[in-house]
Amino acid sequence: MTMVFMINGKTFDRTRVDVQMRAGQIELWEVQNPTDMDHPFHIHGTQFQIVGVERKNRISKPAYRAWKDTINVGRGETVRIAVRQELPGLRMYHCHILEHEDQA
């Protein structure tokens, strides 16, 4: 049985642009993981700060603020991040488990 991994209900397609941000903007993103395994979420070419992590209806704040490009999203978690886009251009985001890319 082959598993299908999706973001926003879509499998990876390098010819499609799913999200557009303007340079200089900060956006609040919500990354949900409804599966039964952890997924490291990664963004190329920009950074973000964790705003909060929700698990079983409990929200926790980060112990400290730091710029990141990857965050582990645990099973059943929702992670809220503030994404900073300083330079124009395309960016790719994905789960950082190689096998998931191969199955897209």
PDB file of N, CA and C in Angstrom:
ATOM      1  N   MET A   1       0.840  -1.177   0.000  1.00  0.00           N
ATOM      2  CA  MET A   1       0.000   0.000   0.000  1.00  0.00           C
ATOM      3  C   MET A   1       0.886   1.241   0.000  1.00  0.00           C
ATOM      4  N   THR A   2       0.634   2.162  -0.909  1.00  0.00           N
ATOM      5  CA  THR A   2       1.403   3.387  -1.013  1.00  0.00           C
ATOM      6  C   THR A   2       0.693   4.502  -0.262  1.00  0.00           C
ATOM      7  N   MET A   3       1.455   5.222   0.554  1.00  0.00           N
ATOM      8  CA  MET A   3       0.892   6.369   1.261  1.00  0.00           C
ATOM      9  C   MET A   3       1.068   7.611   0.393  1.00  0.00           C
ATOM     10  N   VAL A   4       0.143   8.537   0.484  1.00  0.00           N
ATOM     11  CA  VAL A   4       0.230   9.794  -0.254  1.00  0.00           C
ATOM     12  C   VAL A   4       0.407  10.909   0.763  1.00  0.00           C
ATOM     13  N   PHE A   5       1.437  11.723   0.576  1.00  0.00           N
ATOM     14  CA  PHE A   5       1.717  12.832   1.483  1.00  0.00           C
ATOM     15  C   PHE A   5       1.375  14.133   0.776  1.00  0.00           C
ATOM     16  N   MET A   6       0.604  14.969   1.478  1.00  0.00           N
ATOM     17  CA  MET A   6       0.113  16.203   0.866  1.00  0.00           C
ATOM     18  C   MET A   6       0.296  17.384   1.812  1.00  0.00           C
ATOM     19  N   ILE A   7       0.372  18.567   1.233  1.00  0.00           N
ATOM     20  CA  ILE A   7       0.302  19.835   1.961  1.00  0.00           C
ATOM     21  C   ILE A   7      -0.844  20.609   1.348  1.00  0.00           C
ATOM     22  N   ASN A   8      -1.749  21.067   2.184  1.00  0.00           N
ATOM     23  CA  ASN A   8      -2.956  21.771   1.732  1.00  0.00           C
ATOM     24  C   ASN A   8      -3.744  20.944   0.718  1.00  0.00           C
ATOM     25  N   GLY A   9      -3.763  19.628   0.920  1.00  0.00           N
ATOM     26  CA  GLY A   9      -4.544  18.741   0.071  1.00  0.00           C
ATOM     27  C   GLY A   9      -3.936  18.482  -1.297  1.00  0.00           C
ATOM     28  N   LYS A  10      -2.670  18.860  -1.494  1.00  0.00           N
ATOM     29  CA  LYS A  10      -2.025  18.685  -2.798  1.00  0.00           C
ATOM     30  C   LYS A  10      -0.686  17.982  -2.639  1.00  0.00           C
ATOM     31  N   THR A  11      -0.372  17.094  -3.578  1.00  0.00           N
ATOM     32  CA  THR A  11       0.957  16.497  -3.614  1.00  0.00           C
ATOM     33  C   THR A  11       1.912  17.478  -4.273  1.00  0.00           C
ATOM     34  N   PHE A  12       3.209  17.242  -4.098  1.00  0.00           N
ATOM     35  CA  PHE A  12       4.239  18.140  -4.618  1.00  0.00           C
ATOM     36  C   PHE A  12       4.196  18.228  -6.140  1.00  0.00           C
ATOM     37  N   ASP A  13       4.316  19.434  -6.648  1.00  0.00           N
ATOM     38  CA  ASP A  13       4.414  19.694  -8.087  1.00  0.00           C
ATOM     39  C   ASP A  13       5.285  20.930  -8.257  1.00  0.00           C
ATOM     40  N   ARG A  14       6.512  20.722  -8.743  1.00  0.00           N
ATOM     41  CA  ARG A  14       7.458  21.843  -8.856  1.00  0.00           C
ATOM     42  C   ARG A  14       7.025  22.912  -9.855  1.00  0.00           C
ATOM     43  N   THR A  15       6.025  22.644 -10.680  1.00  0.00           N
ATOM     44  CA  THR A  15       5.578  23.642 -11.665  1.00  0.00           C
ATOM     45  C   THR A  15       4.433  24.499 -11.129  1.00  0.00           C
ATOM     46  N   ARG A  16       3.955  24.194  -9.907  1.00  0.00           N
ATOM     47  CA  ARG A  16       2.819  24.912  -9.341  1.00  0.00           C
ATOM     48  C   ARG A  16       3.294  25.850  -8.229  1.00  0.00           C
ATOM     49  N   VAL A  17       2.721  27.043  -8.175  1.00  0.00           N
ATOM     50  CA  VAL A  17       2.977  27.989  -7.086  1.00  0.00           C
ATOM     51  C   VAL A  17       1.722  28.035  -6.224  1.00  0.00           C
ATOM     52  N   ASP A  18       1.860  27.635  -4.957  1.00  0.00           N
ATOM     53  CA  ASP A  18       0.701  27.543  -4.070  1.00  0.00           C
ATOM     54  C   ASP A  18       0.520  28.766  -3.174  1.00  0.00           C
ATOM     55  N   VAL A  19       1.596  29.426  -2.813  1.00  0.00           N
ATOM     56  CA  VAL A  19       1.537  30.541  -1.872  1.00  0.00           C
ATOM     57  C   VAL A  19       2.367  31.696  -2.426  1.00  0.00           C
ATOM     58  N   GLN A  20       1.851  32.909  -2.317  1.00  0.00           N
ATOM     59  CA  GLN A  20       2.612  34.086  -2.736  1.00  0.00           C
ATOM     60  C   GLN A  20       2.678  35.066  -1.576  1.00  0.00           C
ATOM     61  N   MET A  21       3.885  35.544  -1.277  1.00  0.00           N
ATOM     62  CA  MET A  21       4.109  36.559  -0.250  1.00  0.00           C
ATOM     63  C   MET A  21       4.876  37.709  -0.888  1.00  0.00           C
ATOM     64  N   ARG A  22       4.705  38.879  -0.340  1.00  0.00           N
ATOM     65  CA  ARG A  22       5.502  40.026  -0.772  1.00  0.00           C
ATOM     66  C   ARG A  22       6.750  40.147   0.089  1.00  0.00           C
ATOM     67  N   ALA A  23       7.845  40.578  -0.511  1.00  0.00           N
ATOM     68  CA  ALA A  23       9.062  40.829   0.260  1.00  0.00           C
ATOM     69  C   ALA A  23       8.758  41.880   1.321  1.00  0.00           C
ATOM     70  N   GLY A  24       9.292  41.664   2.516  1.00  0.00           N
ATOM     71  CA  GLY A  24       9.063  42.572   3.624  1.00  0.00           C
ATOM     72  C   GLY A  24       7.882  42.204   4.493  1.00  0.00           C
ATOM     73  N   GLN A  25       7.129  41.182   4.115  1.00  0.00           N
ATOM     74  CA  GLN A  25       5.958  40.765   4.874  1.00  0.00           C
ATOM     75  C   GLN A  25       6.305  39.721   5.931  1.00  0.00           C
ATOM     76  N   ILE A  26       5.500  39.708   6.971  1.00  0.00           N
ATOM     77  CA  ILE A  26       5.516  38.617   7.944  1.00  0.00           C
ATOM     78  C   ILE A  26       4.097  38.065   7.973  1.00  0.00           C
ATOM     79  N   GLU A  27       3.972  36.755   7.812  1.00  0.00           N
ATOM     80  CA  GLU A  27       2.660  36.111   7.809  1.00  0.00           C
ATOM     81  C   GLU A  27       2.596  35.062   8.908  1.00  0.00           C
ATOM     82  N   LEU A  28       1.414  34.827   9.432  1.00  0.00           N
ATOM     83  CA  LEU A  28       1.192  33.771  10.407  1.00  0.00           C
ATOM     84  C   LEU A  28       0.707  32.535   9.653  1.00  0.00           C
ATOM     85  N   TRP A  29       1.467  31.452   9.739  1.00  0.00           N
ATOM     86  CA  TRP A  29       1.106  30.195   9.097  1.00  0.00           C
ATOM     87  C   TRP A  29       0.739  29.188  10.171  1.00  0.00           C
ATOM     88  N   GLU A  30      -0.155  28.274   9.822  1.00  0.00           N
ATOM     89  CA  GLU A  30      -0.555  27.193  10.712  1.00  0.00           C
ATOM     90  C   GLU A  30      -0.230  25.887  10.011  1.00  0.00           C
ATOM     91  N   VAL A  31       0.627  25.085  10.621  1.00  0.00           N
ATOM     92  CA  VAL A  31       1.049  23.809  10.048  1.00  0.00           C
ATOM     93  C   VAL A  31       0.445  22.704  10.908  1.00  0.00           C
ATOM     94  N   GLN A  32      -0.474  21.935  10.316  1.00  0.00           N
ATOM     95  CA  GLN A  32      -1.171  20.876  11.041  1.00  0.00           C
ATOM     96  C   GLN A  32      -0.648  19.514  10.614  1.00  0.00           C
ATOM     97  N   ASN A  33      -0.525  18.624  11.579  1.00  0.00           N
ATOM     98  CA  ASN A  33      -0.114  17.258  11.295  1.00  0.00           C
ATOM     99  C   ASN A  33      -1.152  16.299  11.867  1.00  0.00           C
ATOM    100  N   PRO A  34      -2.135  15.893  11.063  1.00  0.00           N
ATOM    101  CA  PRO A  34      -3.176  14.983  11.557  1.00  0.00           C
ATOM    102  C   PRO A  34      -2.768  13.509  11.507  1.00  0.00           C
ATOM    103  N   THR A  35      -1.538  13.222  11.098  1.00  0.00           N
ATOM    104  CA  THR A  35      -1.104  11.828  10.936  1.00  0.00           C
ATOM    105  C   THR A  35      -0.632  11.250  12.270  1.00  0.00           C
ATOM    106  N   ASP A  36      -0.243   9.982  12.241  1.00  0.00           N
ATOM    107  CA  ASP A  36       0.227   9.320  13.449  1.00  0.00           C
ATOM    108  C   ASP A  36       1.752   9.219  13.518  1.00  0.00           C
ATOM    109  N   MET A  37       2.435  10.097  12.783  1.00  0.00           N
ATOM    110  CA  MET A  37       3.899  10.150  12.860  1.00  0.00           C
ATOM    111  C   MET A  37       4.369  11.594  12.770  1.00  0.00           C
ATOM    112  N   ASP A  38       5.541  11.885  13.318  1.00  0.00           N
ATOM    113  CA  ASP A  38       6.102  13.237  13.264  1.00  0.00           C
ATOM    114  C   ASP A  38       6.534  13.585  11.844  1.00  0.00           C
ATOM    115  N   HIS A  39       6.503  14.893  11.539  1.00  0.00           N
ATOM    116  CA  HIS A  39       6.962  15.385  10.241  1.00  0.00           C
ATOM    117  C   HIS A  39       7.775  16.658  10.449  1.00  0.00           C
ATOM    118  N   PRO A  40       9.040  16.678  10.031  1.00  0.00           N
ATOM    119  CA  PRO A  40       9.825  17.909  10.111  1.00  0.00           C
ATOM    120  C   PRO A  40       9.454  18.823   8.933  1.00  0.00           C
ATOM    121  N   PHE A  41       8.880  19.981   9.226  1.00  0.00           N
ATOM    122  CA  PHE A  41       8.445  20.936   8.207  1.00  0.00           C
ATOM    123  C   PHE A  41       9.591  21.904   7.946  1.00  0.00           C
ATOM    124  N   HIS A  42       9.931  22.105   6.665  1.00  0.00           N
ATOM    125  CA  HIS A  42      11.100  22.905   6.273  1.00  0.00           C
ATOM    126  C   HIS A  42      10.723  23.917   5.200  1.00  0.00           C
ATOM    127  N   ILE A  43      11.266  25.128   5.312  1.00  0.00           N
ATOM    128  CA  ILE A  43      11.085  26.172   4.297  1.00  0.00           C
ATOM    129  C   ILE A  43      12.460  26.566   3.769  1.00  0.00           C
ATOM    130  N   HIS A  44      12.608  26.611   2.457  1.00  0.00           N
ATOM    131  CA  HIS A  44      13.855  27.042   1.832  1.00  0.00           C
ATOM    132  C   HIS A  44      13.892  28.563   1.686  1.00  0.00           C
ATOM    133  N   GLY A  45      15.027  29.170   1.929  1.00  0.00           N
ATOM    134  CA  GLY A  45      15.276  30.564   1.566  1.00  0.00           C
ATOM    135  C   GLY A  45      14.663  31.617   2.460  1.00  0.00           C
ATOM    136  N   THR A  46      14.101  31.239   3.575  1.00  0.00           N
ATOM    137  CA  THR A  46      13.554  32.208   4.522  1.00  0.00           C
ATOM    138  C   THR A  46      13.532  31.569   5.899  1.00  0.00           C
ATOM    139  N   GLN A  47      13.126  32.329   6.898  1.00  0.00           N
ATOM    140  CA  GLN A  47      13.090  31.815   8.257  1.00  0.00           C
ATOM    141  C   GLN A  47      11.741  32.111   8.901  1.00  0.00           C
ATOM    142  N   PHE A  48      11.508  31.478  10.043  1.00  0.00           N
ATOM    143  CA  PHE A  48      10.275  31.709  10.788  1.00  0.00           C
ATOM    144  C   PHE A  48      10.561  31.578  12.278  1.00  0.00           C
ATOM    145  N   GLN A  49       9.631  32.096  13.076  1.00  0.00           N
ATOM    146  CA  GLN A  49       9.682  31.908  14.516  1.00  0.00           C
ATOM    147  C   GLN A  49       8.429  31.158  14.950  1.00  0.00           C
ATOM    148  N   ILE A  50       8.577  30.277  15.908  1.00  0.00           N
ATOM    149  CA  ILE A  50       7.435  29.541  16.440  1.00  0.00           C
ATOM    150  C   ILE A  50       6.640  30.481  17.338  1.00  0.00           C
ATOM    151  N   VAL A  51       5.342  30.552  17.094  1.00  0.00           N
ATOM    152  CA  VAL A  51       4.438  31.371  17.901  1.00  0.00           C
ATOM    153  C   VAL A  51       3.800  30.508  18.985  1.00  0.00           C
ATOM    154  N   GLY A  52       3.418  29.293  18.635  1.00  0.00           N
ATOM    155  CA  GLY A  52       2.806  28.386  19.595  1.00  0.00           C
ATOM    156  C   GLY A  52       2.619  27.008  19.006  1.00  0.00           C
ATOM    157  N   VAL A  53       2.487  26.031  19.882  1.00  0.00           N
ATOM    158  CA  VAL A  53       2.253  24.646  19.477  1.00  0.00           C
ATOM    159  C   VAL A  53       1.003  24.163  20.200  1.00  0.00           C
ATOM    160  N   GLU A  54       0.043  23.638  19.433  1.00  0.00           N
ATOM    161  CA  GLU A  54      -1.196  23.120  20.011  1.00  0.00           C
ATOM    162  C   GLU A  54      -1.225  21.606  19.898  1.00  0.00           C
ATOM    163  N   ARG A  55      -1.483  20.970  21.021  1.00  0.00           N
ATOM    164  CA  ARG A  55      -1.613  19.505  21.049  1.00  0.00           C
ATOM    165  C   ARG A  55      -2.680  19.154  22.071  1.00  0.00           C
ATOM    166  N   LYS A  56      -3.666  18.383  21.637  1.00  0.00           N
ATOM    167  CA  LYS A  56      -4.782  17.987  22.506  1.00  0.00           C
ATOM    168  C   LYS A  56      -5.430  19.205  23.166  1.00  0.00           C
ATOM    169  N   ASN A  57      -5.677  20.242  22.351  1.00  0.00           N
ATOM    170  CA  ASN A  57      -6.351  21.474  22.784  1.00  0.00           C
ATOM    171  C   ASN A  57      -5.574  22.280  23.825  1.00  0.00           C
ATOM    172  N   ARG A  58      -4.292  22.007  23.987  1.00  0.00           N
ATOM    173  CA  ARG A  58      -3.444  22.795  24.886  1.00  0.00           C
ATOM    174  C   ARG A  58      -2.399  23.502  24.050  1.00  0.00           C
ATOM    175  N   ILE A  59      -2.255  24.804  24.265  1.00  0.00           N
ATOM    176  CA  ILE A  59      -1.289  25.601  23.512  1.00  0.00           C
ATOM    177  C   ILE A  59      -0.092  25.904  24.398  1.00  0.00           C
ATOM    178  N   SER A  60       1.091  25.632  23.872  1.00  0.00           N
ATOM    179  CA  SER A  60       2.322  25.978  24.585  1.00  0.00           C
ATOM    180  C   SER A  60       3.105  26.988  23.768  1.00  0.00           C
ATOM    181  N   LYS A  61       3.774  27.877  24.457  1.00  0.00           N
ATOM    182  CA  LYS A  61       4.608  28.898  23.820  1.00  0.00           C
ATOM    183  C   LYS A  61       6.047  28.388  23.795  1.00  0.00           C
ATOM    184  N   PRO A  62       6.848  28.865  22.843  1.00  0.00           N
ATOM    185  CA  PRO A  62       8.252  28.439  22.810  1.00  0.00           C
ATOM    186  C   PRO A  62       9.008  28.958  24.036  1.00  0.00           C
ATOM    187  N   ALA A  63      10.000  28.217  24.468  1.00  0.00           N
ATOM    188  CA  ALA A  63      10.813  28.632  25.614  1.00  0.00           C
ATOM    189  C   ALA A  63      11.593  29.901  25.307  1.00  0.00           C
ATOM    190  N   TYR A  64      11.959  30.094  24.045  1.00  0.00           N
ATOM    191  CA  TYR A  64      12.678  31.292  23.608  1.00  0.00           C
ATOM    192  C   TYR A  64      12.397  31.517  22.136  1.00  0.00           C
ATOM    193  N   ARG A  65      12.612  32.740  21.670  1.00  0.00           N
ATOM    194  CA  ARG A  65      12.417  33.077  20.249  1.00  0.00           C
ATOM    195  C   ARG A  65      13.726  32.841  19.500  1.00  0.00           C
ATOM    196  N   ALA A  66      13.625  32.183  18.375  1.00  0.00           N
ATOM    197  CA  ALA A  66      14.786  31.942  17.525  1.00  0.00           C
ATOM    198  C   ALA A  66      14.307  31.810  16.091  1.00  0.00           C
ATOM    199  N   TRP A  67      15.122  32.241  15.142  1.00  0.00           N
ATOM    200  CA  TRP A  67      14.795  32.073  13.724  1.00  0.00           C
ATOM    201  C   TRP A  67      15.158  30.661  13.318  1.00  0.00           C
ATOM    202  N   LYS A  68      14.237  30.001  12.632  1.00  0.00           N
ATOM    203  CA  LYS A  68      14.419  28.616  12.213  1.00  0.00           C
ATOM    204  C   LYS A  68      14.029  28.459  10.750  1.00  0.00           C
ATOM    205  N   ASP A  69      14.445  27.350  10.157  1.00  0.00           N
ATOM    206  CA  ASP A  69      13.947  26.997   8.825  1.00  0.00           C
ATOM    207  C   ASP A  69      13.317  25.612   8.831  1.00  0.00           C
ATOM    208  N   THR A  70      13.389  24.915   9.981  1.00  0.00           N
ATOM    209  CA  THR A  70      12.801  23.589  10.119  1.00  0.00           C
ATOM    210  C   THR A  70      12.225  23.451  11.531  1.00  0.00           C
ATOM    211  N   ILE A  71      11.060  22.820  11.620  1.00  0.00           N
ATOM    212  CA  ILE A  71      10.445  22.538  12.920  1.00  0.00           C
ATOM    213  C   ILE A  71       9.807  21.159  12.841  1.00  0.00           C
ATOM    214  N   ASN A  72       9.994  20.371  13.885  1.00  0.00           N
ATOM    215  CA  ASN A  72       9.313  19.083  13.939  1.00  0.00           C
ATOM    216  C   ASN A  72       7.863  19.326  14.344  1.00  0.00           C
ATOM    217  N   VAL A  73       6.944  18.819  13.533  1.00  0.00           N
ATOM    218  CA  VAL A  73       5.520  18.897  13.851  1.00  0.00           C
ATOM    219  C   VAL A  73       5.111  17.493  14.283  1.00  0.00           C
ATOM    220  N   GLY A  74       4.907  17.337  15.574  1.00  0.00           N
ATOM    221  CA  GLY A  74       4.579  16.028  16.130  1.00  0.00           C
ATOM    222  C   GLY A  74       3.215  15.546  15.681  1.00  0.00           C
ATOM    223  N   ARG A  75       2.997  14.261  15.833  1.00  0.00           N
ATOM    224  CA  ARG A  75       1.698  13.697  15.431  1.00  0.00           C
ATOM    225  C   ARG A  75       0.582  14.363  16.226  1.00  0.00           C
ATOM    226  N   GLY A  76      -0.446  14.777  15.505  1.00  0.00           N
ATOM    227  CA  GLY A  76      -1.581  15.433  16.120  1.00  0.00           C
ATOM    228  C   GLY A  76      -1.352  16.878  16.523  1.00  0.00           C
ATOM    229  N   GLU A  77      -0.216  17.444  16.186  1.00  0.00           N
ATOM    230  CA  GLU A  77       0.084  18.824  16.575  1.00  0.00           C
ATOM    231  C   GLU A  77      -0.292  19.827  15.496  1.00  0.00           C
ATOM    232  N   THR A  78      -0.542  21.048  15.935  1.00  0.00           N
ATOM    233  CA  THR A  78      -0.657  22.204  15.062  1.00  0.00           C
ATOM    234  C   THR A  78       0.390  23.201  15.528  1.00  0.00           C
ATOM    235  N   VAL A  79       1.266  23.614  14.635  1.00  0.00           N
ATOM    236  CA  VAL A  79       2.314  24.573  14.960  1.00  0.00           C
ATOM    237  C   VAL A  79       2.007  25.876  14.234  1.00  0.00           C
ATOM    238  N   ARG A  80       2.012  26.985  14.967  1.00  0.00           N
ATOM    239  CA  ARG A  80       1.800  28.310  14.380  1.00  0.00           C
ATOM    240  C   ARG A  80       3.148  29.017  14.307  1.00  0.00           C
ATOM    241  N   ILE A  81       3.472  29.492  13.103  1.00  0.00           N
ATOM    242  CA  ILE A  81       4.771  30.138  12.886  1.00  0.00           C
ATOM    243  C   ILE A  81       4.579  31.504  12.224  1.00  0.00           C
ATOM    244  N   ALA A  82       5.461  32.433  12.554  1.00  0.00           N
ATOM    245  CA  ALA A  82       5.512  33.737  11.898  1.00  0.00           C
ATOM    246  C   ALA A  82       6.615  33.650  10.842  1.00  0.00           C
ATOM    247  N   VAL A  83       6.219  33.685   9.576  1.00  0.00           N
ATOM    248  CA  VAL A  83       7.151  33.505   8.460  1.00  0.00           C
ATOM    249  C   VAL A  83       7.590  34.874   7.961  1.00  0.00           C
ATOM    250  N   ARG A  84       8.888  35.040   7.820  1.00  0.00           N
ATOM    251  CA  ARG A  84       9.471  36.305   7.363  1.00  0.00           C
ATOM    252  C   ARG A  84       9.980  36.125   5.936  1.00  0.00           C
ATOM    253  N   GLN A  85       9.514  36.981   5.042  1.00  0.00           N
ATOM    254  CA  GLN A  85       9.951  36.944   3.647  1.00  0.00           C
ATOM    255  C   GLN A  85      10.656  38.263   3.352  1.00  0.00           C
ATOM    256  N   GLU A  86      11.986  38.247   3.284  1.00  0.00           N
ATOM    257  CA  GLU A  86      12.730  39.490   3.077  1.00  0.00           C
ATOM    258  C   GLU A  86      13.094  39.748   1.625  1.00  0.00           C
ATOM    259  N   LEU A  87      13.302  38.699   0.863  1.00  0.00           N
ATOM    260  CA  LEU A  87      13.737  38.858  -0.525  1.00  0.00           C
ATOM    261  C   LEU A  87      12.680  38.320  -1.480  1.00  0.00           C
ATOM    262  N   PRO A  88      12.537  38.944  -2.659  1.00  0.00           N
ATOM    263  CA  PRO A  88      11.588  38.406  -3.632  1.00  0.00           C
ATOM    264  C   PRO A  88      12.098  37.079  -4.195  1.00  0.00           C
ATOM    265  N   GLY A  89      11.178  36.282  -4.703  1.00  0.00           N
ATOM    266  CA  GLY A  89      11.557  35.027  -5.338  1.00  0.00           C
ATOM    267  C   GLY A  89      10.747  33.864  -4.813  1.00  0.00           C
ATOM    268  N   LEU A  90      10.899  32.747  -5.476  1.00  0.00           N
ATOM    269  CA  LEU A  90      10.154  31.544  -5.113  1.00  0.00           C
ATOM    270  C   LEU A  90      10.825  30.833  -3.942  1.00  0.00           C
ATOM    271  N   ARG A  91      10.006  30.208  -3.112  1.00  0.00           N
ATOM    272  CA  ARG A  91      10.489  29.408  -1.991  1.00  0.00           C
ATOM    273  C   ARG A  91       9.752  28.079  -2.013  1.00  0.00           C
ATOM    274  N   MET A  92      10.412  27.052  -1.556  1.00  0.00           N
ATOM    275  CA  MET A  92       9.792  25.743  -1.476  1.00  0.00           C
ATOM    276  C   MET A  92       9.644  25.364  -0.002  1.00  0.00           C
ATOM    277  N   TYR A  93       8.506  24.758   0.364  1.00  0.00           N
ATOM    278  CA  TYR A  93       8.332  24.218   1.706  1.00  0.00           C
ATOM    279  C   TYR A  93       7.866  22.780   1.567  1.00  0.00           C
ATOM    280  N   HIS A  94       8.275  21.947   2.528  1.00  0.00           N
ATOM    281  CA  HIS A  94       7.974  20.530   2.414  1.00  0.00           C
ATOM    282  C   HIS A  94       8.282  19.820   3.722  1.00  0.00           C
ATOM    283  N   CYS A  95       7.839  18.579   3.813  1.00  0.00           N
ATOM    284  CA  CYS A  95       8.239  17.698   4.908  1.00  0.00           C
ATOM    285  C   CYS A  95       9.656  17.245   4.593  1.00  0.00           C
ATOM    286  N   HIS A  96      10.511  17.233   5.593  1.00  0.00           N
ATOM    287  CA  HIS A  96      11.925  16.934   5.365  1.00  0.00           C
ATOM    288  C   HIS A  96      12.252  15.452   5.522  1.00  0.00           C
ATOM    289  N   ILE A  97      11.274  14.575   5.254  1.00  0.00           N
ATOM    290  CA  ILE A  97      11.519  13.133   5.224  1.00  0.00           C
ATOM    291  C   ILE A  97      11.627  12.735   3.757  1.00  0.00           C
ATOM    292  N   LEU A  98      12.791  12.282   3.348  1.00  0.00           N
ATOM    293  CA  LEU A  98      13.083  12.018   1.939  1.00  0.00           C
ATOM    294  C   LEU A  98      12.096  11.047   1.305  1.00  0.00           C
ATOM    295  N   GLU A  99      11.704  10.010   2.033  1.00  0.00           N
ATOM    296  CA  GLU A  99      10.779   9.022   1.478  1.00  0.00           C
ATOM    297  C   GLU A  99       9.436   9.656   1.090  1.00  0.00           C
ATOM    298  N   HIS A 100       9.028  10.691   1.786  1.00  0.00           N
ATOM    299  CA  HIS A 100       7.762  11.354   1.445  1.00  0.00           C
ATOM    300  C   HIS A 100       7.871  12.068   0.113  1.00  0.00           C
ATOM    301  N   GLU A 101       9.021  12.657  -0.161  1.00  0.00           N
ATOM    302  CA  GLU A 101       9.230  13.303  -1.457  1.00  0.00           C
ATOM    303  C   GLU A 101       9.166  12.276  -2.579  1.00  0.00           C
ATOM    304  N   ASP A 102       9.767  11.126  -2.359  1.00  0.00           N
ATOM    305  CA  ASP A 102       9.790  10.083  -3.384  1.00  0.00           C
ATOM    306  C   ASP A 102       8.400   9.550  -3.703  1.00  0.00           C
ATOM    307  N   GLN A 103       7.453   9.660  -2.753  1.00  0.00           N
ATOM    308  CA  GLN A 103       6.110   9.139  -2.966  1.00  0.00           C
ATOM    309  C   GLN A 103       5.149  10.195  -3.480  1.00  0.00           C
ATOM    310  N   ALA A 104       5.602  11.428  -3.662  1.00  0.00           N
ATOM    311  CA  ALA A 104       4.712  12.507  -4.118  1.00  0.00           C
ATOM    312  C   ALA A 104       4.349  12.320  -5.557  1.00  0.00           C
TER     313      ALA A 104
END
